[in-house]
Structures are given as C-alpha cells and as structure tokens.
N, C-alpha and C. Protein backbone atom coordinates (compact mmCIF):
# COMPACT_ATOMS: atom_id res chain seq x y z
N MET A 1 76.35 -66.59 207.26
CA MET A 1 77.15 -65.39 207.59
C MET A 1 76.26 -64.16 207.50
N PRO A 2 76.20 -63.35 208.54
CA PRO A 2 75.38 -62.13 208.46
C PRO A 2 75.95 -61.18 207.42
N GLY A 3 75.08 -60.35 206.88
CA GLY A 3 75.48 -59.43 205.83
C GLY A 3 74.76 -59.78 204.54
N LEU A 4 75.40 -59.50 203.42
CA LEU A 4 74.83 -59.76 202.10
C LEU A 4 75.34 -61.08 201.54
N THR A 5 74.42 -61.90 201.04
CA THR A 5 74.78 -63.14 200.37
C THR A 5 73.98 -63.25 199.08
N ILE A 6 74.67 -63.41 197.96
CA ILE A 6 74.02 -63.65 196.67
C ILE A 6 74.51 -64.99 196.15
N GLN A 7 73.57 -65.83 195.71
CA GLN A 7 73.94 -67.14 195.18
C GLN A 7 73.15 -67.45 193.92
N ASN A 8 73.87 -67.89 192.89
CA ASN A 8 73.28 -68.39 191.65
C ASN A 8 72.24 -67.44 191.06
N LEU A 9 72.58 -66.16 191.05
CA LEU A 9 71.66 -65.14 190.55
C LEU A 9 71.83 -64.93 189.05
N ARG A 10 70.72 -64.76 188.39
CA ARG A 10 70.73 -64.36 186.98
C ARG A 10 69.63 -63.34 186.75
N PHE A 11 70.00 -62.28 186.01
CA PHE A 11 69.05 -61.24 185.65
C PHE A 11 69.35 -60.77 184.23
N SER A 12 68.31 -60.55 183.46
CA SER A 12 68.47 -60.00 182.11
C SER A 12 67.32 -59.06 181.81
N HIS A 13 67.59 -58.09 180.94
CA HIS A 13 66.55 -57.17 180.49
C HIS A 13 65.85 -57.78 179.29
N PRO A 14 64.53 -57.81 179.27
CA PRO A 14 63.81 -58.37 178.12
C PRO A 14 64.20 -57.67 176.81
N GLY A 15 64.47 -58.48 175.79
CA GLY A 15 64.81 -57.93 174.49
C GLY A 15 66.22 -57.42 174.37
N SER A 16 67.07 -57.70 175.39
CA SER A 16 68.45 -57.24 175.37
C SER A 16 69.39 -58.43 175.57
N SER A 17 70.59 -58.30 175.04
CA SER A 17 71.58 -59.35 175.23
C SER A 17 72.30 -59.21 176.56
N PHE A 18 72.07 -58.10 177.26
CA PHE A 18 72.73 -57.87 178.54
C PHE A 18 72.19 -58.82 179.60
N ALA A 19 73.09 -59.39 180.39
CA ALA A 19 72.67 -60.25 181.50
C ALA A 19 73.71 -60.20 182.60
N LEU A 20 73.24 -60.33 183.82
CA LEU A 20 74.11 -60.43 185.00
C LEU A 20 74.01 -61.84 185.55
N GLN A 21 75.15 -62.40 185.91
CA GLN A 21 75.17 -63.70 186.55
C GLN A 21 76.15 -63.65 187.73
N VAL A 22 75.66 -63.91 188.91
CA VAL A 22 76.48 -63.89 190.11
C VAL A 22 76.36 -65.26 190.77
N LYS A 23 77.44 -66.02 190.72
CA LYS A 23 77.41 -67.36 191.32
C LYS A 23 77.46 -67.29 192.83
N ASP A 24 78.35 -66.48 193.37
CA ASP A 24 78.47 -66.40 194.82
C ASP A 24 79.16 -65.09 195.20
N LEU A 25 78.48 -64.26 195.98
CA LEU A 25 79.04 -63.00 196.47
C LEU A 25 78.60 -62.82 197.91
N ARG A 26 79.56 -62.60 198.81
CA ARG A 26 79.28 -62.44 200.22
C ARG A 26 80.04 -61.24 200.77
N VAL A 27 79.31 -60.38 201.48
CA VAL A 27 79.90 -59.23 202.15
C VAL A 27 79.36 -59.22 203.57
N GLY A 28 80.23 -59.40 204.55
CA GLY A 28 79.80 -59.55 205.93
C GLY A 28 79.43 -58.25 206.60
N ALA A 29 78.78 -58.36 207.74
CA ALA A 29 78.44 -57.20 208.56
C ALA A 29 79.73 -56.50 208.99
N GLY A 30 79.72 -55.18 208.97
CA GLY A 30 80.90 -54.42 209.31
C GLY A 30 81.91 -54.32 208.20
N SER A 31 81.54 -54.79 207.00
CA SER A 31 82.46 -54.81 205.86
C SER A 31 81.96 -53.92 204.74
N ALA A 32 82.89 -53.48 203.91
CA ALA A 32 82.58 -52.65 202.76
C ALA A 32 83.06 -53.33 201.48
N PHE A 33 82.31 -53.18 200.42
CA PHE A 33 82.62 -53.80 199.14
C PHE A 33 82.36 -52.78 198.04
N ALA A 34 83.29 -52.64 197.10
CA ALA A 34 83.13 -51.71 195.99
C ALA A 34 82.94 -52.50 194.70
N LEU A 35 81.95 -52.09 193.93
CA LEU A 35 81.69 -52.67 192.62
C LEU A 35 82.08 -51.61 191.59
N LEU A 36 83.09 -51.94 190.78
CA LEU A 36 83.67 -50.98 189.87
C LEU A 36 83.26 -51.28 188.43
N GLY A 37 83.38 -50.26 187.59
CA GLY A 37 83.11 -50.47 186.18
C GLY A 37 82.64 -49.19 185.52
N PRO A 38 82.70 -49.13 184.18
CA PRO A 38 82.29 -47.93 183.45
C PRO A 38 80.78 -47.75 183.46
N SER A 39 80.32 -46.57 183.07
CA SER A 39 78.89 -46.30 182.98
C SER A 39 78.26 -47.26 181.98
N GLY A 40 77.08 -47.76 182.34
CA GLY A 40 76.37 -48.67 181.46
C GLY A 40 76.76 -50.12 181.59
N ALA A 41 77.67 -50.44 182.50
CA ALA A 41 78.16 -51.82 182.62
C ALA A 41 77.24 -52.70 183.44
N GLY A 42 76.31 -52.11 184.19
CA GLY A 42 75.38 -52.91 184.99
C GLY A 42 75.54 -52.75 186.48
N LYS A 43 76.34 -51.78 186.93
CA LYS A 43 76.57 -51.60 188.37
C LYS A 43 75.27 -51.25 189.09
N THR A 44 74.52 -50.30 188.54
CA THR A 44 73.27 -49.88 189.17
C THR A 44 72.26 -51.01 189.18
N THR A 45 72.21 -51.78 188.11
CA THR A 45 71.29 -52.92 188.06
C THR A 45 71.57 -53.90 189.19
N LEU A 46 72.85 -54.23 189.40
CA LEU A 46 73.20 -55.16 190.45
C LEU A 46 72.88 -54.58 191.83
N LEU A 47 73.11 -53.30 192.01
CA LEU A 47 72.79 -52.66 193.29
C LEU A 47 71.28 -52.72 193.57
N ARG A 48 70.48 -52.51 192.53
CA ARG A 48 69.03 -52.56 192.69
C ARG A 48 68.54 -53.98 192.98
N LEU A 49 69.23 -54.96 192.46
CA LEU A 49 68.92 -56.35 192.81
C LEU A 49 69.23 -56.61 194.28
N MET A 50 70.34 -56.07 194.76
CA MET A 50 70.70 -56.23 196.16
C MET A 50 69.67 -55.61 197.09
N ALA A 51 69.08 -54.50 196.65
CA ALA A 51 68.11 -53.78 197.48
C ALA A 51 66.69 -54.27 197.30
N GLY A 52 66.48 -55.22 196.41
CA GLY A 52 65.14 -55.73 196.18
C GLY A 52 64.28 -54.83 195.33
N LEU A 53 64.88 -53.87 194.66
CA LEU A 53 64.13 -53.00 193.74
C LEU A 53 63.90 -53.69 192.40
N LEU A 54 64.73 -54.69 192.09
CA LEU A 54 64.55 -55.56 190.93
C LEU A 54 64.56 -57.00 191.43
N LYS A 55 63.89 -57.86 190.69
CA LYS A 55 63.85 -59.28 191.05
C LYS A 55 64.61 -60.08 189.99
N PRO A 56 65.48 -60.99 190.42
CA PRO A 56 66.21 -61.81 189.46
C PRO A 56 65.31 -62.89 188.85
N GLU A 57 65.76 -63.41 187.72
CA GLU A 57 65.04 -64.53 187.10
C GLU A 57 65.18 -65.77 187.97
N ILE A 58 66.39 -66.01 188.42
CA ILE A 58 66.67 -67.12 189.32
C ILE A 58 67.69 -66.65 190.36
N GLY A 59 67.87 -67.44 191.41
CA GLY A 59 68.88 -67.11 192.41
C GLY A 59 68.29 -66.49 193.65
N ASP A 60 69.18 -66.17 194.59
CA ASP A 60 68.75 -65.69 195.88
C ASP A 60 69.60 -64.50 196.31
N VAL A 61 68.94 -63.49 196.85
CA VAL A 61 69.60 -62.36 197.49
C VAL A 61 69.17 -62.37 198.94
N ARG A 62 70.13 -62.53 199.84
CA ARG A 62 69.82 -62.66 201.26
C ARG A 62 70.52 -61.54 202.03
N LEU A 63 69.76 -60.82 202.83
CA LEU A 63 70.29 -59.78 203.69
C LEU A 63 70.12 -60.25 205.12
N ASP A 64 71.26 -60.53 205.78
CA ASP A 64 71.24 -61.26 207.04
C ASP A 64 70.49 -62.58 206.80
N LYS A 65 69.44 -62.83 207.55
CA LYS A 65 68.71 -64.10 207.39
C LYS A 65 67.49 -63.97 206.49
N THR A 66 67.29 -62.78 205.91
CA THR A 66 66.09 -62.54 205.11
C THR A 66 66.36 -62.73 203.63
N SER A 67 65.62 -63.64 203.00
CA SER A 67 65.67 -63.81 201.56
C SER A 67 64.69 -62.82 200.93
N LEU A 68 65.19 -61.91 200.10
CA LEU A 68 64.31 -60.90 199.51
C LEU A 68 63.25 -61.53 198.62
N LEU A 69 63.58 -62.66 198.00
CA LEU A 69 62.64 -63.31 197.10
C LEU A 69 61.47 -63.94 197.85
N SER A 70 61.64 -64.15 199.15
CA SER A 70 60.55 -64.74 199.93
C SER A 70 59.55 -63.69 200.39
N LEU A 71 59.84 -62.41 200.16
CA LEU A 71 58.99 -61.33 200.64
C LEU A 71 58.04 -60.86 199.54
N SER A 72 56.87 -60.43 199.95
CA SER A 72 55.96 -59.78 199.01
C SER A 72 56.48 -58.38 198.69
N GLU A 73 55.88 -57.75 197.71
CA GLU A 73 56.32 -56.39 197.36
C GLU A 73 56.18 -55.45 198.55
N ALA A 74 55.07 -55.55 199.28
CA ALA A 74 54.86 -54.70 200.45
C ALA A 74 55.88 -55.00 201.53
N GLU A 75 56.21 -56.26 201.71
CA GLU A 75 57.19 -56.65 202.73
C GLU A 75 58.59 -56.16 202.34
N ARG A 76 58.92 -56.23 201.05
CA ARG A 76 60.22 -55.72 200.61
C ARG A 76 60.31 -54.21 200.83
N ARG A 77 59.22 -53.51 200.58
CA ARG A 77 59.20 -52.06 200.78
C ARG A 77 59.42 -51.73 202.26
N ALA A 78 58.73 -52.45 203.13
CA ALA A 78 58.89 -52.23 204.57
C ALA A 78 60.31 -52.57 205.02
N PHE A 79 60.87 -53.63 204.46
CA PHE A 79 62.24 -54.02 204.81
C PHE A 79 63.22 -52.93 204.40
N ARG A 80 63.04 -52.36 203.21
CA ARG A 80 63.93 -51.29 202.76
C ARG A 80 63.84 -50.08 203.69
N LEU A 81 62.63 -49.72 204.10
CA LEU A 81 62.44 -48.54 204.93
C LEU A 81 63.12 -48.66 206.29
N THR A 82 63.22 -49.89 206.79
CA THR A 82 63.78 -50.07 208.13
C THR A 82 65.23 -50.54 208.13
N GLN A 83 65.63 -51.31 207.11
CA GLN A 83 66.93 -51.98 207.14
C GLN A 83 67.93 -51.49 206.10
N ILE A 84 67.48 -50.77 205.08
CA ILE A 84 68.35 -50.38 203.97
C ILE A 84 68.41 -48.86 203.85
N GLY A 85 69.61 -48.35 203.66
CA GLY A 85 69.82 -46.96 203.29
C GLY A 85 70.32 -46.93 201.87
N MET A 86 69.65 -46.17 201.01
CA MET A 86 69.97 -46.18 199.57
C MET A 86 70.34 -44.77 199.12
N VAL A 87 71.51 -44.64 198.50
CA VAL A 87 71.92 -43.38 197.89
C VAL A 87 71.81 -43.55 196.39
N PHE A 88 70.83 -42.90 195.79
CA PHE A 88 70.60 -43.03 194.36
C PHE A 88 71.51 -42.10 193.58
N GLN A 89 71.89 -42.53 192.38
CA GLN A 89 72.80 -41.74 191.57
C GLN A 89 72.20 -40.39 191.20
N ASP A 90 70.86 -40.35 191.00
CA ASP A 90 70.20 -39.08 190.64
C ASP A 90 69.64 -38.38 191.88
N PHE A 91 70.03 -38.84 193.06
CA PHE A 91 69.67 -38.28 194.37
C PHE A 91 68.23 -38.59 194.79
N ALA A 92 67.28 -38.61 193.83
CA ALA A 92 65.87 -38.91 194.12
C ALA A 92 65.29 -37.96 195.16
N LEU A 93 65.61 -36.68 195.04
CA LEU A 93 65.02 -35.66 195.92
C LEU A 93 63.86 -34.98 195.21
N LEU A 94 62.93 -34.46 195.98
CA LEU A 94 61.81 -33.69 195.43
C LEU A 94 62.15 -32.21 195.58
N ASP A 95 62.28 -31.52 194.46
CA ASP A 95 62.75 -30.13 194.47
C ASP A 95 61.83 -29.19 195.23
N TYR A 96 60.53 -29.51 195.33
CA TYR A 96 59.57 -28.61 195.97
C TYR A 96 59.46 -28.85 197.48
N LEU A 97 60.25 -29.78 198.01
CA LEU A 97 60.29 -30.02 199.45
C LEU A 97 61.61 -29.51 200.03
N THR A 98 61.60 -29.21 201.31
CA THR A 98 62.81 -28.75 201.98
C THR A 98 63.77 -29.93 202.20
N VAL A 99 64.98 -29.60 202.62
CA VAL A 99 65.95 -30.63 202.97
C VAL A 99 65.36 -31.53 204.05
N GLU A 100 64.83 -30.93 205.11
CA GLU A 100 64.24 -31.71 206.20
C GLU A 100 63.14 -32.63 205.69
N GLU A 101 62.25 -32.11 204.86
CA GLU A 101 61.12 -32.90 204.37
C GLU A 101 61.59 -34.05 203.48
N ASN A 102 62.60 -33.81 202.66
CA ASN A 102 63.12 -34.87 201.81
C ASN A 102 63.72 -36.01 202.63
N ILE A 103 64.39 -35.66 203.71
CA ILE A 103 65.02 -36.68 204.55
C ILE A 103 63.99 -37.49 205.32
N LEU A 104 62.96 -36.82 205.83
CA LEU A 104 62.00 -37.50 206.69
C LEU A 104 60.84 -38.13 205.94
N LEU A 105 60.60 -37.70 204.70
CA LEU A 105 59.43 -38.18 203.96
C LEU A 105 59.31 -39.69 203.88
N PRO A 106 60.38 -40.45 203.54
CA PRO A 106 60.20 -41.90 203.41
C PRO A 106 59.68 -42.57 204.68
N HIS A 107 59.97 -41.98 205.82
CA HIS A 107 59.62 -42.61 207.10
C HIS A 107 58.23 -42.21 207.59
N CYS A 108 57.57 -41.31 206.86
CA CYS A 108 56.21 -40.94 207.22
C CYS A 108 55.22 -42.05 206.88
N PHE A 109 55.65 -43.01 206.05
CA PHE A 109 54.77 -44.08 205.60
C PHE A 109 55.03 -45.38 206.35
N HIS A 110 55.78 -45.29 207.43
CA HIS A 110 56.12 -46.49 208.18
C HIS A 110 56.14 -46.16 209.66
N ALA A 111 56.23 -47.20 210.48
CA ALA A 111 56.21 -47.00 211.93
C ALA A 111 57.31 -46.08 212.42
N LEU A 112 58.43 -46.00 211.65
CA LEU A 112 59.50 -45.11 212.06
C LEU A 112 59.03 -43.66 212.15
N GLY A 113 57.95 -43.36 211.46
CA GLY A 113 57.43 -42.00 211.52
C GLY A 113 57.06 -41.58 212.93
N LYS A 114 56.77 -42.58 213.79
CA LYS A 114 56.43 -42.28 215.19
C LYS A 114 57.65 -41.74 215.93
N ASN A 115 58.84 -42.03 215.43
CA ASN A 115 60.07 -41.56 216.06
C ASN A 115 60.67 -40.39 215.27
N ARG A 116 59.81 -39.59 214.70
CA ARG A 116 60.24 -38.52 213.82
C ARG A 116 61.22 -37.58 214.49
N ALA A 117 60.97 -37.22 215.75
CA ALA A 117 61.83 -36.25 216.43
C ALA A 117 63.25 -36.80 216.59
N ALA A 118 63.37 -38.05 217.02
CA ALA A 118 64.69 -38.65 217.20
C ALA A 118 65.40 -38.80 215.87
N LEU A 119 64.66 -39.22 214.85
CA LEU A 119 65.26 -39.37 213.52
C LEU A 119 65.73 -38.01 212.99
N ALA A 120 64.90 -36.99 213.19
CA ALA A 120 65.27 -35.65 212.73
C ALA A 120 66.50 -35.13 213.45
N ASP A 121 66.60 -35.39 214.75
CA ASP A 121 67.78 -34.95 215.51
C ASP A 121 69.04 -35.62 214.98
N HIS A 122 68.96 -36.91 214.72
CA HIS A 122 70.12 -37.62 214.18
C HIS A 122 70.48 -37.09 212.79
N ALA A 123 69.46 -36.84 211.98
CA ALA A 123 69.71 -36.33 210.63
C ALA A 123 70.37 -34.95 210.68
N ARG A 124 69.97 -34.11 211.63
CA ARG A 124 70.57 -32.78 211.74
C ARG A 124 72.01 -32.87 212.20
N THR A 125 72.32 -33.85 213.04
CA THR A 125 73.71 -34.07 213.43
C THR A 125 74.55 -34.43 212.21
N LEU A 126 74.03 -35.31 211.36
CA LEU A 126 74.73 -35.68 210.13
C LEU A 126 74.85 -34.48 209.20
N ALA A 127 73.78 -33.67 209.13
CA ALA A 127 73.81 -32.49 208.28
C ALA A 127 74.88 -31.50 208.71
N ASP A 128 75.04 -31.37 210.02
CA ASP A 128 76.08 -30.49 210.54
C ASP A 128 77.47 -31.01 210.17
N GLN A 129 77.66 -32.31 210.23
CA GLN A 129 78.95 -32.91 209.89
C GLN A 129 79.29 -32.71 208.41
N LEU A 130 78.28 -32.68 207.56
CA LEU A 130 78.52 -32.56 206.11
C LEU A 130 78.25 -31.16 205.58
N GLY A 131 78.09 -30.18 206.47
CA GLY A 131 77.93 -28.79 206.03
C GLY A 131 76.60 -28.48 205.39
N ILE A 132 75.55 -29.21 205.78
CA ILE A 132 74.22 -29.03 205.18
C ILE A 132 73.23 -28.43 206.16
N GLU A 133 73.57 -28.38 207.44
CA GLU A 133 72.62 -27.95 208.46
C GLU A 133 72.03 -26.56 208.17
N ARG A 134 72.83 -25.67 207.62
CA ARG A 134 72.33 -24.31 207.34
C ARG A 134 71.29 -24.29 206.22
N HIS A 135 71.19 -25.39 205.47
CA HIS A 135 70.20 -25.48 204.39
C HIS A 135 68.97 -26.27 204.81
N TRP A 136 68.81 -26.56 206.11
CA TRP A 136 67.80 -27.49 206.60
C TRP A 136 66.39 -27.15 206.12
N GLN A 137 66.05 -25.87 206.08
CA GLN A 137 64.71 -25.45 205.66
C GLN A 137 64.68 -24.90 204.23
N GLN A 138 65.73 -25.13 203.49
CA GLN A 138 65.79 -24.67 202.11
C GLN A 138 65.20 -25.71 201.18
N LEU A 139 64.57 -25.25 200.10
CA LEU A 139 64.02 -26.16 199.10
C LEU A 139 65.15 -26.89 198.39
N ALA A 140 64.96 -28.18 198.17
CA ALA A 140 66.00 -28.98 197.52
C ALA A 140 66.32 -28.47 196.12
N GLY A 141 65.33 -27.91 195.45
CA GLY A 141 65.55 -27.41 194.10
C GLY A 141 66.52 -26.25 194.03
N ARG A 142 66.81 -25.62 195.15
CA ARG A 142 67.73 -24.48 195.18
C ARG A 142 69.15 -24.88 195.58
N LEU A 143 69.36 -26.15 195.81
CA LEU A 143 70.69 -26.63 196.21
C LEU A 143 71.56 -26.91 195.00
N SER A 144 72.87 -26.87 195.22
CA SER A 144 73.81 -27.28 194.18
C SER A 144 73.80 -28.81 194.07
N GLN A 145 74.42 -29.34 193.03
CA GLN A 145 74.48 -30.79 192.86
C GLN A 145 75.21 -31.45 194.03
N GLY A 146 76.30 -30.84 194.46
CA GLY A 146 77.05 -31.39 195.58
C GLY A 146 76.25 -31.38 196.87
N GLU A 147 75.47 -30.32 197.09
CA GLU A 147 74.63 -30.24 198.27
C GLU A 147 73.52 -31.29 198.22
N LYS A 148 72.93 -31.47 197.04
CA LYS A 148 71.89 -32.50 196.89
C LYS A 148 72.46 -33.88 197.19
N GLN A 149 73.69 -34.13 196.73
CA GLN A 149 74.29 -35.43 196.98
C GLN A 149 74.48 -35.67 198.47
N ARG A 150 74.89 -34.65 199.19
CA ARG A 150 75.07 -34.80 200.63
C ARG A 150 73.74 -35.01 201.35
N VAL A 151 72.68 -34.35 200.87
CA VAL A 151 71.35 -34.58 201.45
C VAL A 151 70.93 -36.03 201.24
N ALA A 152 71.19 -36.56 200.05
CA ALA A 152 70.83 -37.95 199.76
C ALA A 152 71.57 -38.92 200.68
N ILE A 153 72.81 -38.60 200.99
CA ILE A 153 73.60 -39.45 201.90
C ILE A 153 73.03 -39.37 203.32
N ILE A 154 72.67 -38.17 203.76
CA ILE A 154 72.08 -38.01 205.09
C ILE A 154 70.78 -38.79 205.19
N ARG A 155 69.95 -38.70 204.17
CA ARG A 155 68.68 -39.45 204.17
C ARG A 155 68.93 -40.96 204.29
N ALA A 156 69.96 -41.45 203.61
CA ALA A 156 70.26 -42.88 203.64
C ALA A 156 70.71 -43.34 205.02
N LEU A 157 71.35 -42.46 205.79
CA LEU A 157 71.90 -42.83 207.09
C LEU A 157 70.99 -42.48 208.27
N ALA A 158 69.98 -41.67 208.03
CA ALA A 158 69.21 -41.09 209.13
C ALA A 158 68.59 -42.13 210.05
N HIS A 159 68.14 -43.24 209.51
CA HIS A 159 67.44 -44.26 210.32
C HIS A 159 68.36 -45.39 210.75
N ARG A 160 69.68 -45.19 210.60
CA ARG A 160 70.70 -46.16 211.01
C ARG A 160 70.45 -47.55 210.42
N PRO A 161 70.51 -47.66 209.10
CA PRO A 161 70.20 -48.94 208.45
C PRO A 161 71.29 -49.98 208.66
N ARG A 162 70.90 -51.25 208.54
CA ARG A 162 71.85 -52.36 208.61
C ARG A 162 72.62 -52.51 207.31
N PHE A 163 72.02 -52.05 206.21
CA PHE A 163 72.62 -52.19 204.89
C PHE A 163 72.64 -50.83 204.21
N LEU A 164 73.78 -50.47 203.65
CA LEU A 164 73.96 -49.19 202.99
C LEU A 164 74.40 -49.45 201.55
N PHE A 165 73.57 -49.04 200.60
CA PHE A 165 73.85 -49.21 199.18
C PHE A 165 73.97 -47.83 198.55
N ALA A 166 75.15 -47.54 197.99
CA ALA A 166 75.43 -46.19 197.48
C ALA A 166 75.86 -46.24 196.02
N ASP A 167 75.14 -45.52 195.18
CA ASP A 167 75.40 -45.48 193.74
C ASP A 167 76.11 -44.17 193.39
N GLU A 168 77.41 -44.25 193.15
CA GLU A 168 78.23 -43.07 192.82
C GLU A 168 78.02 -41.94 193.83
N PRO A 169 78.21 -42.19 195.13
CA PRO A 169 77.87 -41.19 196.14
C PRO A 169 78.81 -40.00 196.22
N THR A 170 79.91 -40.02 195.47
CA THR A 170 80.85 -38.88 195.52
C THR A 170 81.00 -38.20 194.16
N ALA A 171 80.17 -38.55 193.20
CA ALA A 171 80.36 -38.07 191.83
C ALA A 171 80.28 -36.55 191.70
N SER A 172 79.49 -35.90 192.56
CA SER A 172 79.30 -34.45 192.47
C SER A 172 80.06 -33.67 193.53
N LEU A 173 81.01 -34.32 194.20
CA LEU A 173 81.72 -33.69 195.30
C LEU A 173 83.15 -33.34 194.93
N ASP A 174 83.66 -32.26 195.52
CA ASP A 174 85.08 -31.95 195.34
C ASP A 174 85.90 -32.86 196.25
N ALA A 175 87.20 -32.75 196.13
CA ALA A 175 88.08 -33.68 196.84
C ALA A 175 87.90 -33.62 198.35
N THR A 176 87.73 -32.42 198.90
CA THR A 176 87.57 -32.28 200.34
C THR A 176 86.29 -32.93 200.83
N ARG A 177 85.18 -32.61 200.14
CA ARG A 177 83.89 -33.18 200.53
C ARG A 177 83.88 -34.70 200.29
N ARG A 178 84.52 -35.14 199.24
CA ARG A 178 84.58 -36.58 198.98
C ARG A 178 85.27 -37.30 200.14
N GLY A 179 86.35 -36.72 200.64
CA GLY A 179 87.03 -37.31 201.77
C GLY A 179 86.16 -37.35 203.01
N GLN A 180 85.41 -36.27 203.27
CA GLN A 180 84.52 -36.23 204.43
C GLN A 180 83.43 -37.29 204.33
N VAL A 181 82.85 -37.42 203.14
CA VAL A 181 81.77 -38.38 202.94
C VAL A 181 82.27 -39.81 203.10
N MET A 182 83.42 -40.12 202.49
CA MET A 182 83.93 -41.48 202.58
C MET A 182 84.34 -41.83 204.01
N GLU A 183 84.86 -40.86 204.74
CA GLU A 183 85.20 -41.09 206.14
C GLU A 183 83.93 -41.37 206.95
N LEU A 184 82.87 -40.59 206.70
CA LEU A 184 81.61 -40.78 207.40
C LEU A 184 81.03 -42.17 207.10
N LEU A 185 81.01 -42.56 205.83
CA LEU A 185 80.44 -43.85 205.45
C LEU A 185 81.27 -45.01 206.02
N SER A 186 82.58 -44.86 205.99
CA SER A 186 83.45 -45.91 206.53
C SER A 186 83.29 -46.04 208.03
N ARG A 187 83.23 -44.91 208.72
CA ARG A 187 83.05 -44.93 210.18
C ARG A 187 81.70 -45.53 210.55
N TYR A 188 80.67 -45.16 209.80
CA TYR A 188 79.34 -45.70 210.05
C TYR A 188 79.34 -47.23 209.91
N THR A 189 79.98 -47.71 208.87
CA THR A 189 80.05 -49.16 208.62
C THR A 189 80.69 -49.89 209.79
N ARG A 190 81.81 -49.33 210.29
CA ARG A 190 82.51 -49.97 211.40
C ARG A 190 81.69 -49.92 212.69
N GLU A 191 81.21 -48.73 213.03
CA GLU A 191 80.57 -48.53 214.32
C GLU A 191 79.22 -49.22 214.41
N GLN A 192 78.48 -49.24 213.32
CA GLN A 192 77.16 -49.85 213.32
C GLN A 192 77.17 -51.30 212.86
N GLN A 193 78.37 -51.80 212.50
CA GLN A 193 78.47 -53.15 211.95
C GLN A 193 77.50 -53.33 210.79
N ALA A 194 77.45 -52.33 209.94
CA ALA A 194 76.59 -52.35 208.76
C ALA A 194 77.32 -53.04 207.61
N THR A 195 76.57 -53.34 206.57
CA THR A 195 77.13 -53.87 205.34
C THR A 195 77.03 -52.77 204.29
N PHE A 196 78.17 -52.36 203.76
CA PHE A 196 78.25 -51.19 202.87
C PHE A 196 78.68 -51.65 201.48
N ILE A 197 77.81 -51.39 200.49
CA ILE A 197 78.11 -51.69 199.09
C ILE A 197 78.12 -50.39 198.31
N LEU A 198 79.22 -50.11 197.64
CA LEU A 198 79.36 -48.90 196.83
C LEU A 198 79.60 -49.29 195.39
N VAL A 199 78.94 -48.60 194.47
CA VAL A 199 79.24 -48.78 193.05
C VAL A 199 79.80 -47.47 192.52
N THR A 200 80.84 -47.57 191.70
CA THR A 200 81.51 -46.37 191.21
C THR A 200 82.34 -46.68 189.98
N HIS A 201 82.62 -45.65 189.22
CA HIS A 201 83.60 -45.77 188.14
C HIS A 201 84.88 -45.01 188.51
N ASP A 202 84.93 -44.48 189.74
CA ASP A 202 86.05 -43.68 190.21
C ASP A 202 87.16 -44.59 190.74
N THR A 203 88.19 -44.81 189.95
CA THR A 203 89.27 -45.71 190.36
C THR A 203 90.08 -45.16 191.53
N ASP A 204 89.95 -43.86 191.82
CA ASP A 204 90.67 -43.28 192.95
C ASP A 204 90.16 -43.82 194.29
N LEU A 205 88.96 -44.41 194.28
CA LEU A 205 88.39 -44.95 195.51
C LEU A 205 88.86 -46.38 195.81
N ILE A 206 89.50 -47.02 194.84
CA ILE A 206 89.89 -48.42 195.01
C ILE A 206 90.74 -48.66 196.25
N PRO A 207 91.73 -47.79 196.56
CA PRO A 207 92.54 -48.04 197.77
C PRO A 207 91.73 -48.09 199.06
N LEU A 208 90.54 -47.51 199.07
CA LEU A 208 89.70 -47.52 200.26
C LEU A 208 88.92 -48.83 200.40
N PHE A 209 88.95 -49.65 199.35
CA PHE A 209 88.14 -50.88 199.34
C PHE A 209 89.00 -52.07 198.93
N PRO A 210 89.73 -52.66 199.89
CA PRO A 210 90.49 -53.86 199.56
C PRO A 210 89.62 -54.97 198.97
N ASP A 211 88.35 -54.98 199.38
CA ASP A 211 87.40 -55.97 198.86
C ASP A 211 86.60 -55.32 197.74
N HIS A 212 86.90 -55.66 196.50
CA HIS A 212 86.21 -55.05 195.37
C HIS A 212 86.22 -56.00 194.18
N ALA A 213 85.38 -55.68 193.20
CA ALA A 213 85.33 -56.46 191.96
C ALA A 213 84.82 -55.56 190.85
N ARG A 214 85.04 -55.98 189.63
CA ARG A 214 84.52 -55.25 188.47
C ARG A 214 83.23 -55.89 188.02
N VAL A 215 82.25 -55.06 187.68
CA VAL A 215 80.96 -55.59 187.30
C VAL A 215 81.05 -56.44 186.03
N GLU A 216 82.06 -56.19 185.22
CA GLU A 216 82.25 -57.02 184.01
C GLU A 216 82.44 -58.49 184.35
N ASP A 217 82.93 -58.76 185.55
CA ASP A 217 83.11 -60.14 185.97
C ASP A 217 81.78 -60.87 186.12
N PHE A 218 80.68 -60.10 186.23
CA PHE A 218 79.36 -60.70 186.46
C PHE A 218 78.46 -60.63 185.24
N THR A 219 78.92 -60.05 184.15
CA THR A 219 78.06 -59.89 182.98
C THR A 219 78.31 -60.97 181.96
N ALA A 220 77.23 -61.41 181.33
CA ALA A 220 77.34 -62.46 180.31
C ALA A 220 77.63 -61.83 178.95
C-alpha cells in the first residue's frame, strides 16, 4: 500500500526505561493521521523515526516502496529533501536569514536548487495564503512566534513533498490562523495525494482526524 508503513518497530533511548513499540501502522497516500498525547510521551520521537531522523533498533519504516533502513545516511538526507516536508516544533529557522532564505536554504544543497525560481514562486503563493508574503524579505528573528510557525509550514510545503510530517504545527496560532493552516494542510493532502502525519496534544483537532491514535498505545 503506498504511503507510510511501519512494522515491528522498536526504539529506546540508551539508559532510559522509555521505549516505543509499533507492531503495525499504515497511513495511505491521500490520508491524514493524528498522533495524540501529552508532552514528553514520545510523539516527536515517533515522528522522527518516520522521517528517518532516528533509526529504530529493529523493524521497518517504509515510505511508499522505500525502506528507510535500506538507505545510507546521505541517501536518507536526499530522500527527505525531495520527498518529505517536515514542520519542526521549534520551527528550526535561522534568525539571521530572511523568510525567503529560510524557505529556500534546504534546497540549495540538492538538485532542487536548480528550480529555485519555480520553488520560490510556489512558496510566495503559500506565503500570500497564510499572510506572510509581506514579511518575505524580513529577518526571521524579527517575526512573532505565530509568524515563524507559518514560515515553517510554508518551507515544508514549498517543494510539494509526498510525505508531510508536522510536529504541533498550530501551537503558536490563534483560532483563525489555526483554521487557515489546517485547511491548507488538509487540502494539500487531498490534492497532492500526500501522506500527512500530525502530532499534537491539542484535543480540539481530533474531529479533523477520524484516523488517530494515542502515543501511549505505542510505549512500553
């Protein structure tokens, strides 16, 4: 089945009793899945395993037909740059770069950099939709938390990834902006037949995700 497939996965932090175990989790293309739970429960850890930023002790994480464990570190990095859009909880922006530079920087190290103009045009369209276009040449360090969060979302979508992994993507947004962002992410998932995984502790988002689970179900 295209999309995300996890089978017989186990991950633990050295020297800690915390462990994640996922026997079978599948999220198809064009589908959205929410992983719920309180802070510190392991949601971010599981998301990073899905993106290949962490490696499990055993098990398999497969994105479409690609097994992340079969890839070298360089191959996983290239796969993320082309196939994955990641919204980090701390935004992962560089304060001394502009909004434009933060969005385009990851793609300067890959072949997508050759399509910089097209990528930038698409990113500016997204920025206009989320009220960020007027900050395009502003330094990220001068943005509010909510503005930074929207920039992080634009960066994740700019290259039209097949997989979208979002860690608390609405935590710094007011109700109006939260609605705009969730509508954008949901529409993107449908139109691009992407696989969308969201982690959150916000129970108000549950009605938007009929397919969801609590991370406690996966912890030992």
